[in-house]
Amino acid sequence: MTDQAAGAGRRAVALLLGGEPAVGGCPPGVAAGDFARALAEDVADLLTELPGLDPVVGFTPVHREVAEAITWPGTRLLPLAADAGPLALLAALHDLGYQQAAVLAADVPDLPGLLIAKVFSGLAGAVVGVVPALPAGRPDLAPLARGAGRPGGLAVLGCRLPAPTWLTADRTDLDAPDAVARLRAAAPHHRDLVVTPAWRRLRAPADLAGLDPGLEGWEATRALLSGR
Protein backbone atom coordinates (compact mmCIF):
# COMPACT_ATOMS: atom_id res chain seq x y z
CA MET A 1 0.00 0.00 0.00
CA THR A 2 1.09 3.57 -0.63
CA ASP A 3 0.23 6.99 0.76
CA GLN A 4 -1.04 5.58 4.04
CA ALA A 5 -2.65 8.16 6.28
CA ALA A 6 -0.62 8.52 9.46
CA GLY A 7 -2.04 6.21 12.12
CA ALA A 8 -4.84 4.92 9.90
CA GLY A 9 -3.44 1.39 9.63
CA ARG A 10 -4.56 -0.90 6.85
CA ARG A 11 -7.52 0.43 4.92
CA ALA A 12 -9.80 -1.23 2.38
CA VAL A 13 -12.46 -0.02 -0.01
CA ALA A 14 -14.92 -2.72 -0.99
CA LEU A 15 -17.69 -3.28 -3.51
CA LEU A 16 -20.54 -5.36 -2.14
CA LEU A 17 -22.18 -7.74 -4.62
CA GLY A 18 -25.09 -9.16 -2.66
CA GLY A 19 -28.84 -9.30 -2.75
CA GLU A 20 -30.69 -8.48 -5.95
CA PRO A 21 -28.63 -7.09 -8.86
CA ALA A 22 -28.76 -3.32 -9.35
CA VAL A 23 -31.25 -3.22 -12.23
CA GLY A 24 -33.82 -0.65 -11.08
CA GLY A 25 -32.36 2.04 -13.29
CA CYS A 26 -32.10 -0.15 -16.38
CA PRO A 27 -33.48 1.76 -19.41
CA PRO A 28 -35.61 0.21 -22.16
CA GLY A 29 -33.63 -1.70 -24.75
CA VAL A 30 -30.86 -2.78 -22.36
CA ALA A 31 -30.66 -6.25 -20.84
CA ALA A 32 -31.00 -6.00 -17.07
CA GLY A 33 -28.11 -8.39 -16.40
CA ASP A 34 -25.79 -6.44 -18.70
CA PHE A 35 -26.78 -3.20 -17.00
CA ALA A 36 -26.08 -4.52 -13.49
CA ARG A 37 -22.74 -5.93 -14.60
CA ALA A 38 -21.67 -2.66 -16.25
CA LEU A 39 -22.45 -0.68 -13.10
CA ALA A 40 -20.52 -3.12 -10.92
CA GLU A 41 -17.58 -3.15 -13.33
CA ASP A 42 -17.27 0.63 -13.16
CA VAL A 43 -17.36 0.57 -9.36
CA ALA A 44 -14.73 -2.19 -9.32
CA ASP A 45 -12.54 -0.10 -11.63
CA LEU A 46 -12.90 2.87 -9.28
CA LEU A 47 -11.60 0.80 -6.35
CA THR A 48 -8.27 0.26 -8.10
CA GLU A 49 -7.71 3.99 -8.64
CA LEU A 50 -7.77 5.05 -4.97
CA PRO A 51 -4.29 5.47 -3.46
CA GLY A 52 -3.65 4.05 -0.02
CA LEU A 53 -6.72 1.78 -0.11
CA ASP A 54 -6.76 -1.96 -0.83
CA PRO A 55 -9.49 -2.85 -3.39
CA VAL A 56 -11.83 -5.67 -2.37
CA VAL A 57 -14.94 -7.18 -3.94
CA GLY A 58 -17.18 -9.03 -1.50
CA PHE A 59 -19.71 -11.31 -3.15
CA THR A 60 -22.45 -13.74 -2.23
CA PRO A 61 -22.59 -17.09 -4.08
CA VAL A 62 -24.98 -15.98 -6.84
CA HIS A 63 -22.65 -13.10 -7.72
CA ARG A 64 -19.43 -15.14 -7.97
CA GLU A 65 -19.31 -15.22 -11.76
CA VAL A 66 -19.76 -11.44 -12.08
CA ALA A 67 -17.21 -10.77 -9.33
CA GLU A 68 -14.58 -12.87 -11.07
CA ALA A 69 -15.32 -11.28 -14.45
CA ILE A 70 -15.13 -7.59 -13.49
CA THR A 71 -12.08 -7.47 -11.23
CA TRP A 72 -8.52 -6.53 -12.06
CA PRO A 73 -5.49 -8.56 -10.94
CA GLY A 74 -4.62 -7.56 -7.38
CA THR A 75 -8.21 -7.03 -6.31
CA ARG A 76 -9.08 -9.33 -3.41
CA LEU A 77 -12.19 -11.44 -3.94
CA LEU A 78 -13.96 -12.15 -0.68
CA PRO A 79 -16.74 -14.79 -0.69
CA LEU A 80 -19.61 -14.12 1.70
CA ALA A 81 -22.65 -16.03 2.93
CA ALA A 82 -25.82 -15.87 0.84
CA ASP A 83 -27.53 -13.38 3.16
CA ALA A 84 -24.45 -11.24 3.89
CA GLY A 85 -24.74 -7.46 3.95
CA PRO A 86 -22.39 -4.56 4.63
CA LEU A 87 -21.87 -5.46 8.29
CA ALA A 88 -20.76 -8.99 7.39
CA LEU A 89 -18.34 -7.60 4.82
CA LEU A 90 -16.90 -5.18 7.39
CA ALA A 91 -16.46 -8.06 9.84
CA ALA A 92 -14.65 -10.11 7.21
CA LEU A 93 -12.33 -7.20 6.46
CA HIS A 94 -11.57 -6.82 10.16
CA ASP A 95 -10.68 -10.52 10.28
CA LEU A 96 -8.17 -9.82 7.50
CA GLY A 97 -6.46 -7.19 9.62
CA TYR A 98 -7.97 -3.96 8.31
CA GLN A 99 -8.44 -1.06 10.71
CA GLN A 100 -10.70 1.02 8.44
CA ALA A 101 -12.94 0.09 5.53
CA ALA A 102 -15.64 1.51 3.30
CA VAL A 103 -18.36 -0.49 1.54
CA LEU A 104 -19.78 0.81 -1.74
CA ALA A 105 -23.13 0.08 -3.34
CA ALA A 106 -22.97 -1.58 -6.76
CA ASP A 107 -24.90 1.15 -8.60
CA VAL A 108 -22.62 4.20 -8.23
CA PRO A 109 -20.50 3.95 -11.42
CA ASP A 110 -19.63 7.66 -11.48
CA LEU A 111 -19.01 8.13 -7.76
CA PRO A 112 -16.15 10.63 -7.33
CA GLY A 113 -13.12 9.26 -5.52
CA LEU A 114 -13.07 12.51 -3.56
CA LEU A 115 -16.23 11.50 -1.68
CA ILE A 116 -14.65 8.20 -0.66
CA ALA A 117 -11.60 10.15 0.51
CA LYS A 118 -13.89 12.38 2.58
CA VAL A 119 -15.30 9.33 4.35
CA PHE A 120 -11.84 8.10 5.32
CA SER A 121 -10.80 11.59 6.31
CA GLY A 122 -13.83 11.77 8.58
CA LEU A 123 -12.88 8.49 10.24
CA ALA A 124 -9.89 10.25 11.78
CA GLY A 125 -12.35 11.72 14.28
CA ALA A 126 -15.51 9.65 13.86
CA VAL A 127 -16.32 5.96 14.12
CA VAL A 128 -18.63 5.77 11.10
CA GLY A 129 -18.74 7.83 7.91
CA VAL A 130 -21.28 7.74 5.11
CA VAL A 131 -22.06 9.13 1.67
CA PRO A 132 -25.87 9.45 1.63
CA ALA A 133 -27.69 8.49 -1.57
CA LEU A 134 -30.01 10.94 -3.26
CA PRO A 135 -33.61 9.73 -3.60
CA ALA A 136 -34.20 7.51 -6.61
CA GLY A 137 -35.57 9.27 -9.66
CA ARG A 138 -34.49 12.78 -8.63
CA PRO A 139 -31.76 13.89 -11.07
CA ASP A 140 -32.85 17.47 -10.43
CA LEU A 141 -31.24 17.41 -6.98
CA ALA A 142 -27.71 18.81 -6.95
CA PRO A 143 -25.27 15.87 -6.66
CA LEU A 144 -23.27 17.53 -3.89
CA ALA A 145 -26.27 18.61 -1.80
CA ARG A 146 -26.23 17.29 1.72
CA GLY A 147 -28.52 14.30 1.84
CA ALA A 148 -29.32 13.83 5.51
CA GLY A 149 -32.74 15.44 5.09
CA ARG A 150 -33.61 13.66 1.85
CA PRO A 151 -34.22 9.95 2.47
CA GLY A 152 -32.41 7.91 -0.12
CA GLY A 153 -30.28 5.27 1.58
CA LEU A 154 -26.50 5.14 1.40
CA ALA A 155 -23.99 5.11 -1.43
CA VAL A 156 -21.01 4.41 0.87
CA LEU A 157 -20.69 3.17 4.44
CA GLY A 158 -17.28 3.57 6.08
CA CYS A 159 -16.23 2.41 9.51
CA ARG A 160 -13.36 2.00 11.92
CA LEU A 161 -12.85 -1.67 12.59
CA PRO A 162 -13.99 -3.60 14.47
CA ALA A 163 -17.41 -2.09 13.91
CA PRO A 164 -19.03 -0.66 17.05
CA THR A 165 -21.84 -2.65 18.63
CA TRP A 166 -24.40 0.05 17.78
CA LEU A 167 -23.74 -0.54 14.07
CA THR A 168 -26.28 -3.34 13.65
CA ALA A 169 -27.45 -5.06 10.47
CA ASP A 170 -30.67 -3.04 10.21
CA ARG A 171 -28.68 0.19 10.54
CA THR A 172 -26.23 -0.76 7.78
CA ASP A 173 -28.77 -1.57 5.07
CA LEU A 174 -27.61 0.54 2.13
CA ASP A 175 -31.13 0.54 0.68
CA ALA A 176 -32.97 1.66 3.80
CA PRO A 177 -34.44 5.08 2.90
CA ASP A 178 -33.93 6.34 6.45
CA ALA A 179 -30.40 4.93 6.81
CA VAL A 180 -28.81 8.23 7.85
CA ALA A 181 -31.55 8.91 10.40
CA ARG A 182 -31.11 5.42 11.86
CA LEU A 183 -27.39 5.94 12.25
CA ARG A 184 -27.82 9.38 13.78
CA ALA A 185 -30.29 8.00 16.32
CA ALA A 186 -28.02 5.07 17.24
CA ALA A 187 -24.68 6.89 17.48
CA PRO A 188 -23.77 7.43 21.16
CA HIS A 189 -22.43 10.89 20.30
CA HIS A 190 -22.99 13.12 17.29
CA ARG A 191 -19.24 13.14 16.68
CA ASP A 192 -19.30 9.37 16.13
CA LEU A 193 -20.93 9.82 12.72
CA VAL A 194 -19.72 11.97 9.84
CA VAL A 195 -22.05 12.57 6.88
CA THR A 196 -20.47 13.73 3.61
CA PRO A 197 -22.23 15.36 0.66
CA ALA A 198 -24.65 12.98 -1.05
CA TRP A 199 -24.32 11.22 -4.39
CA ARG A 200 -26.83 9.55 -6.71
CA ARG A 201 -27.33 5.83 -7.18
CA LEU A 202 -28.78 4.58 -10.48
CA ARG A 203 -31.97 3.05 -9.10
CA ALA A 204 -34.56 4.49 -11.50
CA PRO A 205 -34.36 5.25 -15.24
CA ALA A 206 -34.63 8.97 -14.47
CA ASP A 207 -31.35 8.75 -12.53
CA LEU A 208 -29.48 8.23 -15.80
CA ALA A 209 -30.06 11.91 -16.57
CA GLY A 210 -27.53 12.74 -13.87
CA LEU A 211 -24.66 11.02 -15.66
CA ASP A 212 -22.24 13.61 -17.07
CA PRO A 213 -20.71 12.52 -20.42
CA GLY A 214 -17.97 15.08 -19.86
CA LEU A 215 -16.62 13.36 -16.76
CA GLU A 216 -14.05 10.57 -16.92
CA GLY A 217 -14.88 7.14 -15.59
CA TRP A 218 -18.00 4.93 -15.78
CA GLU A 219 -16.68 3.51 -19.06
CA ALA A 220 -18.58 0.21 -19.01
CA THR A 221 -21.88 1.95 -18.29
CA ARG A 222 -21.14 4.61 -20.89
CA ALA A 223 -20.37 1.99 -23.56
CA LEU A 224 -23.51 -0.01 -22.77
CA LEU A 225 -25.82 3.00 -22.86
CA SER A 226 -24.26 4.43 -26.03
CA GLY A 227 -24.93 1.15 -27.83
CA ARG A 228 -28.65 1.00 -27.05
C-alpha atoms as a PDB file:
ATOM      1  CA  MET A   1       0.000   0.000   0.000  1.00  0.00           C
ATOM      2  CA  THR A   2       1.089   3.572  -0.635  1.00  0.00           C
ATOM      3  CA  ASP A   3       0.228   6.994   0.758  1.00  0.00           C
ATOM      4  CA  GLN A   4      -1.038   5.577   4.035  1.00  0.00           C
ATOM      5  CA  ALA A   5      -2.647   8.157   6.278  1.00  0.00           C
ATOM      6  CA  ALA A   6      -0.624   8.517   9.459  1.00  0.00           C
ATOM      7  CA  GLY A   7      -2.037   6.211  12.121  1.00  0.00           C
ATOM      8  CA  ALA A   8      -4.836   4.918   9.898  1.00  0.00           C
ATOM      9  CA  GLY A   9      -3.442   1.391   9.627  1.00  0.00           C
ATOM     10  CA  ARG A  10      -4.565  -0.900   6.847  1.00  0.00           C
ATOM     11  CA  ARG A  11      -7.524   0.431   4.918  1.00  0.00           C
ATOM     12  CA  ALA A  12      -9.795  -1.232   2.382  1.00  0.00           C
ATOM     13  CA  VAL A  13     -12.456  -0.023  -0.011  1.00  0.00           C
ATOM     14  CA  ALA A  14     -14.924  -2.720  -0.986  1.00  0.00           C
ATOM     15  CA  LEU A  15     -17.692  -3.279  -3.510  1.00  0.00           C
ATOM     16  CA  LEU A  16     -20.542  -5.362  -2.138  1.00  0.00           C
ATOM     17  CA  LEU A  17     -22.185  -7.736  -4.618  1.00  0.00           C
ATOM     18  CA  GLY A  18     -25.091  -9.156  -2.662  1.00  0.00           C
ATOM     19  CA  GLY A  19     -28.841  -9.299  -2.749  1.00  0.00           C
ATOM     20  CA  GLU A  20     -30.687  -8.479  -5.951  1.00  0.00           C
ATOM     21  CA  PRO A  21     -28.626  -7.091  -8.860  1.00  0.00           C
ATOM     22  CA  ALA A  22     -28.758  -3.321  -9.346  1.00  0.00           C
ATOM     23  CA  VAL A  23     -31.251  -3.216 -12.231  1.00  0.00           C
ATOM     24  CA  GLY A  24     -33.822  -0.650 -11.077  1.00  0.00           C
ATOM     25  CA  GLY A  25     -32.359   2.040 -13.291  1.00  0.00           C
ATOM     26  CA  CYS A  26     -32.098  -0.145 -16.384  1.00  0.00           C
ATOM     27  CA  PRO A  27     -33.477   1.759 -19.407  1.00  0.00           C
ATOM     28  CA  PRO A  28     -35.611   0.207 -22.156  1.00  0.00           C
ATOM     29  CA  GLY A  29     -33.634  -1.695 -24.746  1.00  0.00           C
ATOM     30  CA  VAL A  30     -30.860  -2.780 -22.365  1.00  0.00           C
ATOM     31  CA  ALA A  31     -30.657  -6.253 -20.836  1.00  0.00           C
ATOM     32  CA  ALA A  32     -31.000  -6.004 -17.066  1.00  0.00           C
ATOM     33  CA  GLY A  33     -28.113  -8.386 -16.404  1.00  0.00           C
ATOM     34  CA  ASP A  34     -25.791  -6.440 -18.704  1.00  0.00           C
ATOM     35  CA  PHE A  35     -26.783  -3.201 -17.001  1.00  0.00           C
ATOM     36  CA  ALA A  36     -26.080  -4.518 -13.489  1.00  0.00           C
ATOM     37  CA  ARG A  37     -22.735  -5.928 -14.597  1.00  0.00           C
ATOM     38  CA  ALA A  38     -21.672  -2.663 -16.251  1.00  0.00           C
ATOM     39  CA  LEU A  39     -22.455  -0.681 -13.095  1.00  0.00           C
ATOM     40  CA  ALA A  40     -20.524  -3.124 -10.924  1.00  0.00           C
ATOM     41  CA  GLU A  41     -17.581  -3.146 -13.329  1.00  0.00           C
ATOM     42  CA  ASP A  42     -17.271   0.627 -13.158  1.00  0.00           C
ATOM     43  CA  VAL A  43     -17.356   0.569  -9.358  1.00  0.00           C
ATOM     44  CA  ALA A  44     -14.733  -2.194  -9.323  1.00  0.00           C
ATOM     45  CA  ASP A  45     -12.536  -0.101 -11.630  1.00  0.00           C
ATOM     46  CA  LEU A  46     -12.905   2.871  -9.277  1.00  0.00           C
ATOM     47  CA  LEU A  47     -11.600   0.805  -6.351  1.00  0.00           C
ATOM     48  CA  THR A  48      -8.266   0.261  -8.102  1.00  0.00           C
ATOM     49  CA  GLU A  49      -7.712   3.987  -8.636  1.00  0.00           C
ATOM     50  CA  LEU A  50      -7.769   5.052  -4.972  1.00  0.00           C
ATOM     51  CA  PRO A  51      -4.291   5.473  -3.461  1.00  0.00           C
ATOM     52  CA  GLY A  52      -3.655   4.049  -0.022  1.00  0.00           C
ATOM     53  CA  LEU A  53      -6.717   1.777  -0.111  1.00  0.00           C
ATOM     54  CA  ASP A  54      -6.765  -1.958  -0.835  1.00  0.00           C
ATOM     55  CA  PRO A  55      -9.485  -2.848  -3.388  1.00  0.00           C
ATOM     56  CA  VAL A  56     -11.830  -5.670  -2.373  1.00  0.00           C
ATOM     57  CA  VAL A  57     -14.943  -7.176  -3.940  1.00  0.00           C
ATOM     58  CA  GLY A  58     -17.176  -9.029  -1.500  1.00  0.00           C
ATOM     59  CA  PHE A  59     -19.713 -11.305  -3.149  1.00  0.00           C
ATOM     60  CA  THR A  60     -22.450 -13.741  -2.230  1.00  0.00           C
ATOM     61  CA  PRO A  61     -22.592 -17.087  -4.081  1.00  0.00           C
ATOM     62  CA  VAL A  62     -24.981 -15.976  -6.844  1.00  0.00           C
ATOM     63  CA  HIS A  63     -22.649 -13.102  -7.725  1.00  0.00           C
ATOM     64  CA  ARG A  64     -19.425 -15.138  -7.972  1.00  0.00           C
ATOM     65  CA  GLU A  65     -19.305 -15.220 -11.760  1.00  0.00           C
ATOM     66  CA  VAL A  66     -19.758 -11.444 -12.076  1.00  0.00           C
ATOM     67  CA  ALA A  67     -17.207 -10.771  -9.334  1.00  0.00           C
ATOM     68  CA  GLU A  68     -14.583 -12.874 -11.074  1.00  0.00           C
ATOM     69  CA  ALA A  69     -15.317 -11.278 -14.450  1.00  0.00           C
ATOM     70  CA  ILE A  70     -15.131  -7.591 -13.491  1.00  0.00           C
ATOM     71  CA  THR A  71     -12.079  -7.470 -11.228  1.00  0.00           C
ATOM     72  CA  TRP A  72      -8.517  -6.533 -12.065  1.00  0.00           C
ATOM     73  CA  PRO A  73      -5.490  -8.557 -10.938  1.00  0.00           C
ATOM     74  CA  GLY A  74      -4.618  -7.555  -7.384  1.00  0.00           C
ATOM     75  CA  THR A  75      -8.213  -7.034  -6.309  1.00  0.00           C
ATOM     76  CA  ARG A  76      -9.075  -9.327  -3.412  1.00  0.00           C
ATOM     77  CA  LEU A  77     -12.189 -11.437  -3.944  1.00  0.00           C
ATOM     78  CA  LEU A  78     -13.958 -12.150  -0.676  1.00  0.00           C
ATOM     79  CA  PRO A  79     -16.745 -14.790  -0.690  1.00  0.00           C
ATOM     80  CA  LEU A  80     -19.612 -14.124   1.705  1.00  0.00           C
ATOM     81  CA  ALA A  81     -22.652 -16.028   2.926  1.00  0.00           C
ATOM     82  CA  ALA A  82     -25.819 -15.871   0.843  1.00  0.00           C
ATOM     83  CA  ASP A  83     -27.531 -13.381   3.165  1.00  0.00           C
ATOM     84  CA  ALA A  84     -24.448 -11.242   3.890  1.00  0.00           C
ATOM     85  CA  GLY A  85     -24.738  -7.462   3.946  1.00  0.00           C
ATOM     86  CA  PRO A  86     -22.385  -4.556   4.629  1.00  0.00           C
ATOM     87  CA  LEU A  87     -21.872  -5.462   8.286  1.00  0.00           C
ATOM     88  CA  ALA A  88     -20.759  -8.989   7.387  1.00  0.00           C
ATOM     89  CA  LEU A  89     -18.337  -7.598   4.825  1.00  0.00           C
ATOM     90  CA  LEU A  90     -16.905  -5.179   7.387  1.00  0.00           C
ATOM     91  CA  ALA A  91     -16.462  -8.055   9.844  1.00  0.00           C
ATOM     92  CA  ALA A  92     -14.653 -10.111   7.214  1.00  0.00           C
ATOM     93  CA  LEU A  93     -12.333  -7.198   6.464  1.00  0.00           C
ATOM     94  CA  HIS A  94     -11.568  -6.824  10.165  1.00  0.00           C
ATOM     95  CA  ASP A  95     -10.676 -10.522  10.280  1.00  0.00           C
ATOM     96  CA  LEU A  96      -8.166  -9.819   7.503  1.00  0.00           C
ATOM     97  CA  GLY A  97      -6.463  -7.186   9.624  1.00  0.00           C
ATOM     98  CA  TYR A  98      -7.966  -3.965   8.306  1.00  0.00           C
ATOM     99  CA  GLN A  99      -8.441  -1.056  10.706  1.00  0.00           C
ATOM    100  CA  GLN A 100     -10.704   1.019   8.445  1.00  0.00           C
ATOM    101  CA  ALA A 101     -12.943   0.093   5.525  1.00  0.00           C
ATOM    102  CA  ALA A 102     -15.644   1.512   3.298  1.00  0.00           C
ATOM    103  CA  VAL A 103     -18.363  -0.493   1.542  1.00  0.00           C
ATOM    104  CA  LEU A 104     -19.777   0.806  -1.740  1.00  0.00           C
ATOM    105  CA  ALA A 105     -23.135   0.080  -3.342  1.00  0.00           C
ATOM    106  CA  ALA A 106     -22.973  -1.576  -6.755  1.00  0.00           C
ATOM    107  CA  ASP A 107     -24.898   1.146  -8.602  1.00  0.00           C
ATOM    108  CA  VAL A 108     -22.624   4.199  -8.235  1.00  0.00           C
ATOM    109  CA  PRO A 109     -20.500   3.950 -11.419  1.00  0.00           C
ATOM    110  CA  ASP A 110     -19.633   7.660 -11.484  1.00  0.00           C
ATOM    111  CA  LEU A 111     -19.013   8.131  -7.757  1.00  0.00           C
ATOM    112  CA  PRO A 112     -16.145  10.633  -7.328  1.00  0.00           C
ATOM    113  CA  GLY A 113     -13.123   9.259  -5.520  1.00  0.00           C
ATOM    114  CA  LEU A 114     -13.074  12.507  -3.556  1.00  0.00           C
ATOM    115  CA  LEU A 115     -16.228  11.496  -1.685  1.00  0.00           C
ATOM    116  CA  ILE A 116     -14.647   8.198  -0.657  1.00  0.00           C
ATOM    117  CA  ALA A 117     -11.595  10.145   0.507  1.00  0.00           C
ATOM    118  CA  LYS A 118     -13.888  12.378   2.583  1.00  0.00           C
ATOM    119  CA  VAL A 119     -15.303   9.327   4.346  1.00  0.00           C
ATOM    120  CA  PHE A 120     -11.842   8.096   5.324  1.00  0.00           C
ATOM    121  CA  SER A 121     -10.796  11.589   6.313  1.00  0.00           C
ATOM    122  CA  GLY A 122     -13.833  11.767   8.577  1.00  0.00           C
ATOM    123  CA  LEU A 123     -12.884   8.487  10.237  1.00  0.00           C
ATOM    124  CA  ALA A 124      -9.890  10.255  11.779  1.00  0.00           C
ATOM    125  CA  GLY A 125     -12.353  11.724  14.283  1.00  0.00           C
ATOM    126  CA  ALA A 126     -15.508   9.646  13.865  1.00  0.00           C
ATOM    127  CA  VAL A 127     -16.321   5.955  14.119  1.00  0.00           C
ATOM    128  CA  VAL A 128     -18.635   5.766  11.099  1.00  0.00           C
ATOM    129  CA  GLY A 129     -18.736   7.828   7.914  1.00  0.00           C
ATOM    130  CA  VAL A 130     -21.282   7.741   5.106  1.00  0.00           C
ATOM    131  CA  VAL A 131     -22.063   9.132   1.674  1.00  0.00           C
ATOM    132  CA  PRO A 132     -25.870   9.452   1.627  1.00  0.00           C
ATOM    133  CA  ALA A 133     -27.685   8.489  -1.567  1.00  0.00           C
ATOM    134  CA  LEU A 134     -30.008  10.937  -3.256  1.00  0.00           C
ATOM    135  CA  PRO A 135     -33.606   9.726  -3.599  1.00  0.00           C
ATOM    136  CA  ALA A 136     -34.203   7.515  -6.615  1.00  0.00           C
ATOM    137  CA  GLY A 137     -35.568   9.271  -9.663  1.00  0.00           C
ATOM    138  CA  ARG A 138     -34.492  12.782  -8.629  1.00  0.00           C
ATOM    139  CA  PRO A 139     -31.763  13.886 -11.071  1.00  0.00           C
ATOM    140  CA  ASP A 140     -32.853  17.475 -10.430  1.00  0.00           C
ATOM    141  CA  LEU A 141     -31.241  17.407  -6.982  1.00  0.00           C
ATOM    142  CA  ALA A 142     -27.706  18.814  -6.945  1.00  0.00           C
ATOM    143  CA  PRO A 143     -25.267  15.870  -6.659  1.00  0.00           C
ATOM    144  CA  LEU A 144     -23.274  17.527  -3.893  1.00  0.00           C
ATOM    145  CA  ALA A 145     -26.269  18.609  -1.804  1.00  0.00           C
ATOM    146  CA  ARG A 146     -26.232  17.289   1.719  1.00  0.00           C
ATOM    147  CA  GLY A 147     -28.524  14.298   1.836  1.00  0.00           C
ATOM    148  CA  ALA A 148     -29.323  13.829   5.508  1.00  0.00           C
ATOM    149  CA  GLY A 149     -32.742  15.440   5.091  1.00  0.00           C
ATOM    150  CA  ARG A 150     -33.608  13.655   1.850  1.00  0.00           C
ATOM    151  CA  PRO A 151     -34.225   9.952   2.473  1.00  0.00           C
ATOM    152  CA  GLY A 152     -32.412   7.909  -0.122  1.00  0.00           C
ATOM    153  CA  GLY A 153     -30.283   5.265   1.578  1.00  0.00           C
ATOM    154  CA  LEU A 154     -26.497   5.142   1.403  1.00  0.00           C
ATOM    155  CA  ALA A 155     -23.994   5.107  -1.433  1.00  0.00           C
ATOM    156  CA  VAL A 156     -21.012   4.413   0.865  1.00  0.00           C
ATOM    157  CA  LEU A 157     -20.691   3.169   4.438  1.00  0.00           C
ATOM    158  CA  GLY A 158     -17.283   3.568   6.082  1.00  0.00           C
ATOM    159  CA  CYS A 159     -16.228   2.414   9.506  1.00  0.00           C
ATOM    160  CA  ARG A 160     -13.360   2.000  11.916  1.00  0.00           C
ATOM    161  CA  LEU A 161     -12.851  -1.667  12.593  1.00  0.00           C
ATOM    162  CA  PRO A 162     -13.989  -3.596  14.472  1.00  0.00           C
ATOM    163  CA  ALA A 163     -17.406  -2.086  13.905  1.00  0.00           C
ATOM    164  CA  PRO A 164     -19.033  -0.661  17.050  1.00  0.00           C
ATOM    165  CA  THR A 165     -21.844  -2.646  18.626  1.00  0.00           C
ATOM    166  CA  TRP A 166     -24.397   0.052  17.777  1.00  0.00           C
ATOM    167  CA  LEU A 167     -23.744  -0.538  14.072  1.00  0.00           C
ATOM    168  CA  THR A 168     -26.282  -3.339  13.650  1.00  0.00           C
ATOM    169  CA  ALA A 169     -27.445  -5.056  10.467  1.00  0.00           C
ATOM    170  CA  ASP A 170     -30.666  -3.041  10.209  1.00  0.00           C
ATOM    171  CA  ARG A 171     -28.678   0.189  10.540  1.00  0.00           C
ATOM    172  CA  THR A 172     -26.232  -0.762   7.780  1.00  0.00           C
ATOM    173  CA  ASP A 173     -28.773  -1.571   5.074  1.00  0.00           C
ATOM    174  CA  LEU A 174     -27.608   0.542   2.128  1.00  0.00           C
ATOM    175  CA  ASP A 175     -31.130   0.542   0.684  1.00  0.00           C
ATOM    176  CA  ALA A 176     -32.973   1.664   3.802  1.00  0.00           C
ATOM    177  CA  PRO A 177     -34.443   5.083   2.900  1.00  0.00           C
ATOM    178  CA  ASP A 178     -33.935   6.339   6.446  1.00  0.00           C
ATOM    179  CA  ALA A 179     -30.403   4.934   6.809  1.00  0.00           C
ATOM    180  CA  VAL A 180     -28.813   8.227   7.852  1.00  0.00           C
ATOM    181  CA  ALA A 181     -31.549   8.914  10.403  1.00  0.00           C
ATOM    182  CA  ARG A 182     -31.115   5.420  11.858  1.00  0.00           C
ATOM    183  CA  LEU A 183     -27.386   5.940  12.251  1.00  0.00           C
ATOM    184  CA  ARG A 184     -27.817   9.384  13.782  1.00  0.00           C
ATOM    185  CA  ALA A 185     -30.289   8.000  16.321  1.00  0.00           C
ATOM    186  CA  ALA A 186     -28.016   5.072  17.235  1.00  0.00           C
ATOM    187  CA  ALA A 187     -24.682   6.890  17.484  1.00  0.00           C
ATOM    188  CA  PRO A 188     -23.766   7.426  21.161  1.00  0.00           C
ATOM    189  CA  HIS A 189     -22.433  10.885  20.303  1.00  0.00           C
ATOM    190  CA  HIS A 190     -22.988  13.124  17.295  1.00  0.00           C
ATOM    191  CA  ARG A 191     -19.239  13.143  16.679  1.00  0.00           C
ATOM    192  CA  ASP A 192     -19.300   9.365  16.134  1.00  0.00           C
ATOM    193  CA  LEU A 193     -20.925   9.816  12.716  1.00  0.00           C
ATOM    194  CA  VAL A 194     -19.716  11.974   9.835  1.00  0.00           C
ATOM    195  CA  VAL A 195     -22.046  12.566   6.878  1.00  0.00           C
ATOM    196  CA  THR A 196     -20.473  13.726   3.613  1.00  0.00           C
ATOM    197  CA  PRO A 197     -22.234  15.359   0.659  1.00  0.00           C
ATOM    198  CA  ALA A 198     -24.647  12.982  -1.053  1.00  0.00           C
ATOM    199  CA  TRP A 199     -24.324  11.217  -4.393  1.00  0.00           C
ATOM    200  CA  ARG A 200     -26.829   9.548  -6.714  1.00  0.00           C
ATOM    201  CA  ARG A 201     -27.328   5.834  -7.184  1.00  0.00           C
ATOM    202  CA  LEU A 202     -28.780   4.583 -10.480  1.00  0.00           C
ATOM    203  CA  ARG A 203     -31.974   3.053  -9.096  1.00  0.00           C
ATOM    204  CA  ALA A 204     -34.562   4.491 -11.498  1.00  0.00           C
ATOM    205  CA  PRO A 205     -34.357   5.249 -15.239  1.00  0.00           C
ATOM    206  CA  ALA A 206     -34.630   8.968 -14.470  1.00  0.00           C
ATOM    207  CA  ASP A 207     -31.352   8.749 -12.525  1.00  0.00           C
ATOM    208  CA  LEU A 208     -29.479   8.228 -15.801  1.00  0.00           C
ATOM    209  CA  ALA A 209     -30.061  11.908 -16.574  1.00  0.00           C
ATOM    210  CA  GLY A 210     -27.530  12.735 -13.870  1.00  0.00           C
ATOM    211  CA  LEU A 211     -24.658  11.016 -15.663  1.00  0.00           C
ATOM    212  CA  ASP A 212     -22.244  13.610 -17.070  1.00  0.00           C
ATOM    213  CA  PRO A 213     -20.711  12.518 -20.415  1.00  0.00           C
ATOM    214  CA  GLY A 214     -17.968  15.084 -19.864  1.00  0.00           C
ATOM    215  CA  LEU A 215     -16.624  13.364 -16.764  1.00  0.00           C
ATOM    216  CA  GLU A 216     -14.051  10.572 -16.918  1.00  0.00           C
ATOM    217  CA  GLY A 217     -14.881   7.137 -15.588  1.00  0.00           C
ATOM    218  CA  TRP A 218     -17.998   4.928 -15.781  1.00  0.00           C
ATOM    219  CA  GLU A 219     -16.678   3.515 -19.062  1.00  0.00           C
ATOM    220  CA  ALA A 220     -18.576   0.207 -19.011  1.00  0.00           C
ATOM    221  CA  THR A 221     -21.885   1.950 -18.287  1.00  0.00           C
ATOM    222  CA  ARG A 222     -21.136   4.610 -20.890  1.00  0.00           C
ATOM    223  CA  ALA A 223     -20.373   1.992 -23.562  1.00  0.00           C
ATOM    224  CA  LEU A 224     -23.511  -0.012 -22.766  1.00  0.00           C
ATOM    225  CA  LEU A 225     -25.817   3.004 -22.862  1.00  0.00           C
ATOM    226  CA  SER A 226     -24.263   4.430 -26.029  1.00  0.00           C
ATOM    227  CA  GLY A 227     -24.932   1.153 -27.830  1.00  0.00           C
ATOM    228  CA  ARG A 228     -28.649   1.000 -27.048  1.00  0.00           C
END
